[in-house]
Protein backbone atom coordinates (compact mmCIF):
# COMPACT_ATOMS: atom_id res chain seq x y z
CA MET A 1 27.00 17.38 16.98
CA ARG A 2 25.66 14.10 15.65
CA GLU A 3 25.15 12.95 19.24
CA LEU A 4 23.27 16.14 20.11
CA LEU A 5 21.13 15.73 17.02
CA ALA A 6 20.26 12.19 18.10
CA GLU A 7 19.49 13.36 21.66
CA VAL A 8 17.23 16.34 20.96
CA GLY A 9 16.07 15.63 17.41
CA TYR A 10 16.27 17.67 14.25
CA ALA A 11 13.36 20.03 14.97
CA ARG A 12 14.60 20.97 18.45
CA ILE A 13 18.33 21.37 17.89
CA THR A 14 19.58 24.95 18.08
CA MET A 15 22.80 26.71 17.15
CA ASP A 16 23.14 27.72 20.82
CA GLU A 17 23.13 24.05 21.87
CA VAL A 18 25.62 23.13 19.16
CA ALA A 19 27.97 25.96 20.16
CA ALA A 20 27.70 25.06 23.85
CA ARG A 21 28.38 21.38 23.17
CA ALA A 22 31.38 22.28 21.00
CA GLY A 23 32.67 24.80 23.54
CA VAL A 24 32.70 27.69 21.05
CA GLY A 25 30.66 30.81 20.41
CA LYS A 26 27.80 30.85 17.93
CA ALA A 27 29.83 33.14 15.69
CA ALA A 28 32.34 30.33 15.18
CA ILE A 29 29.55 28.04 14.02
CA TYR A 30 28.13 30.69 11.67
CA ARG A 31 31.56 31.29 10.11
CA ARG A 32 31.49 27.70 8.86
CA HIS A 33 27.76 27.23 8.25
CA ALA A 34 25.33 29.91 7.08
CA THR A 35 22.30 28.07 8.46
CA LYS A 36 21.34 25.30 10.84
CA GLN A 37 20.29 23.23 7.85
CA GLU A 38 23.65 23.57 6.09
CA MET A 39 25.45 22.68 9.33
CA ILE A 40 23.34 19.57 9.78
CA PHE A 41 23.74 18.49 6.17
CA ASP A 42 27.51 18.88 6.47
CA VAL A 43 27.47 16.79 9.66
CA LEU A 44 25.23 14.07 8.25
CA VAL A 45 27.14 13.85 4.99
CA PRO A 46 30.83 14.41 5.69
CA GLY A 47 32.79 15.84 2.80
CA GLN A 48 30.96 16.48 -0.43
CA PHE A 49 28.24 13.90 -0.88
CA LEU A 50 28.78 12.20 -4.24
CA ALA A 51 31.37 14.83 -5.20
CA VAL A 52 33.94 12.26 -6.34
CA ALA A 53 33.00 9.92 -9.16
CA PRO A 54 34.04 6.39 -8.34
CA ASP A 55 35.91 4.71 -11.18
CA ARG A 56 35.60 0.97 -10.64
CA GLY A 57 35.89 0.01 -14.31
CA SER A 58 32.23 -0.48 -15.25
CA LEU A 59 28.92 1.32 -15.03
CA ARG A 60 27.58 -1.38 -12.70
CA ALA A 61 30.53 -1.08 -10.30
CA ASP A 62 30.48 2.73 -10.38
CA LEU A 63 26.74 2.88 -9.68
CA ALA A 64 27.08 0.24 -6.95
CA ALA A 65 29.64 2.50 -5.23
CA VAL A 66 27.31 5.51 -5.57
CA LEU A 67 24.37 3.52 -4.20
CA ALA A 68 26.46 2.39 -1.23
CA GLU A 69 27.38 6.01 -0.45
CA ILE A 70 23.76 7.13 -0.68
CA ALA A 71 22.49 4.25 1.45
CA ASP A 72 25.21 4.63 4.08
CA SER A 73 24.62 8.38 4.39
CA MET A 74 20.86 8.11 4.76
CA ALA A 75 20.86 5.07 7.04
CA ALA A 76 23.41 6.59 9.44
CA ALA A 77 21.41 9.77 10.06
CA PRO A 78 19.59 10.12 13.40
CA PRO A 79 15.85 9.43 13.15
CA GLY A 80 13.88 12.25 11.56
CA ALA A 81 16.94 14.27 10.55
CA VAL A 82 16.87 13.70 6.78
CA PRO A 83 13.13 14.27 6.25
CA GLY A 84 13.17 17.34 8.53
CA LEU A 85 16.21 18.77 6.83
CA LEU A 86 14.75 18.33 3.35
CA ALA A 87 11.42 19.85 4.43
CA ASP A 88 13.23 22.94 5.73
CA ILE A 89 15.37 23.26 2.63
CA HIS A 90 12.36 23.10 0.33
CA ALA A 91 10.38 25.61 2.42
CA ASP A 92 12.97 28.37 1.90
CA PRO A 93 13.75 29.37 -1.72
CA ALA A 94 17.08 31.00 -0.82
CA LEU A 95 18.19 27.96 1.16
CA LEU A 96 17.05 25.66 -1.65
CA HIS A 97 19.12 27.68 -4.12
CA ARG A 98 22.24 27.38 -1.91
CA PHE A 99 21.59 23.67 -1.37
CA ASP A 100 21.27 23.11 -5.13
CA ALA A 101 24.45 25.07 -5.84
CA LYS A 102 26.50 23.42 -3.09
CA TYR A 103 25.29 19.83 -3.18
CA LEU A 104 23.10 18.94 -6.14
CA LEU A 105 25.40 20.41 -8.79
CA ALA A 106 28.29 18.35 -7.40
CA GLN A 107 26.15 15.22 -7.43
CA ARG A 108 25.07 15.82 -11.00
CA ARG A 109 28.66 16.43 -12.15
CA THR A 110 29.65 13.14 -10.54
CA LEU A 111 26.82 11.22 -12.18
CA ASN A 112 27.50 12.89 -15.52
CA GLU A 113 31.15 11.81 -15.29
CA ILE A 114 30.06 8.22 -14.56
CA LEU A 115 27.63 8.26 -17.50
CA ASN A 116 30.23 9.76 -19.86
CA ARG A 117 32.78 7.09 -18.91
CA ALA A 118 30.19 4.37 -19.43
CA ALA A 119 29.28 5.82 -22.83
CA SER A 120 32.97 5.93 -23.79
CA ARG A 121 33.27 2.26 -22.85
CA GLY A 122 30.22 1.43 -24.98
CA GLU A 123 28.11 0.35 -22.00
CA LEU A 124 25.05 2.50 -22.75
CA THR A 125 22.36 2.34 -25.40
CA ALA A 126 20.26 4.93 -23.57
CA CYS A 127 21.39 7.59 -21.17
CA PRO A 128 18.93 8.86 -18.56
CA GLY A 129 20.91 12.03 -17.82
CA PRO A 130 22.36 12.99 -14.44
CA ILE A 131 19.20 14.58 -13.00
CA ILE A 132 17.03 11.56 -13.75
CA LEU A 133 19.77 9.17 -12.61
CA ASN A 134 20.10 11.12 -9.36
CA ALA A 135 16.35 10.76 -8.74
CA LEU A 136 16.42 7.06 -9.66
CA LEU A 137 19.19 6.40 -7.15
CA VAL A 138 18.25 8.63 -4.22
CA GLY A 139 14.46 8.40 -4.38
CA PRO A 140 14.01 4.68 -3.70
CA ILE A 141 16.47 4.70 -0.81
CA PHE A 142 14.71 7.71 0.72
CA ALA A 143 11.35 5.98 0.29
CA TRP A 144 12.68 2.72 1.76
CA LEU A 145 14.04 4.32 4.90
CA PHE A 146 11.69 7.23 5.56
CA LEU A 147 8.36 6.49 3.91
CA LEU A 148 8.16 2.71 4.15
CA SER A 149 10.22 2.52 7.38
CA GLU A 150 12.02 -0.57 6.17
CA SER A 151 15.12 -1.89 7.87
CA PRO A 152 18.48 -0.34 6.95
CA GLY A 153 19.80 -3.90 7.26
CA ARG A 154 17.90 -4.78 4.11
CA LEU A 155 19.36 -1.92 2.06
CA PRO A 156 21.74 -4.24 0.16
CA GLU A 157 18.70 -6.14 -1.13
CA LEU A 158 17.09 -2.88 -2.28
CA THR A 159 20.25 -1.45 -3.82
CA SER A 160 20.88 -4.66 -5.74
CA ALA A 161 17.36 -4.59 -7.21
CA LEU A 162 17.70 -0.87 -7.87
CA LEU A 163 21.00 -1.33 -9.66
CA ASP A 164 19.47 -4.03 -11.87
CA ALA A 165 16.51 -1.75 -12.71
CA VAL A 166 18.68 1.26 -13.55
CA LEU A 167 20.98 -0.84 -15.73
CA ALA A 168 17.97 -2.34 -17.52
CA LEU A 169 16.96 1.22 -18.47
CA THR A 170 20.34 1.93 -20.02
CA GLY A 171 20.71 -1.46 -21.71
CA PRO A 172 23.90 -3.04 -22.93
CA ALA A 173 25.35 -1.40 -26.00
CA SER A 174 25.12 -3.32 -29.25
CA PRO A 175 28.35 -3.74 -31.21
CA GLY A 176 29.01 -0.64 -33.27
CA LEU A 177 26.23 1.35 -31.58
CA ARG A 178 27.34 4.42 -29.67
CA PRO A 179 25.04 6.60 -27.60
């Protein structure tokens, strides 16, 4: 399906084409995916995107792992797929609700777990909260790839600067100070 998406583009791909390429009926596709958008998101982001909180021993290492997952997922998508998908999701309130429930809640639970572990280790003086942290991590990568059209090859440079900026917002904990 990823190949078909790359060939015809996000806007022109149809469930009929996906079913034909897979050698199954459309009903089989619809049993797994309620909409074209959910099918494409599941293809572009295998498994549950950010559903498992990495535990690398520090806030920096955990956030670096999250940033790598975000960058890899967005950079690997066929051209136009991510912006088109997000435009469709936000144009349909019912689809947006399902997207939030299926994907964003999992992401926020993951980020909350990372923040709670960091707070327990005394690594935070300020805590941005999982929704703000999600925006701080995803937004710049989206902008880099899809608004600024920068090279995916330079994502490590961006994610390093982004990690430094996010960590500067949380600050190192002072001895005896707990968030």
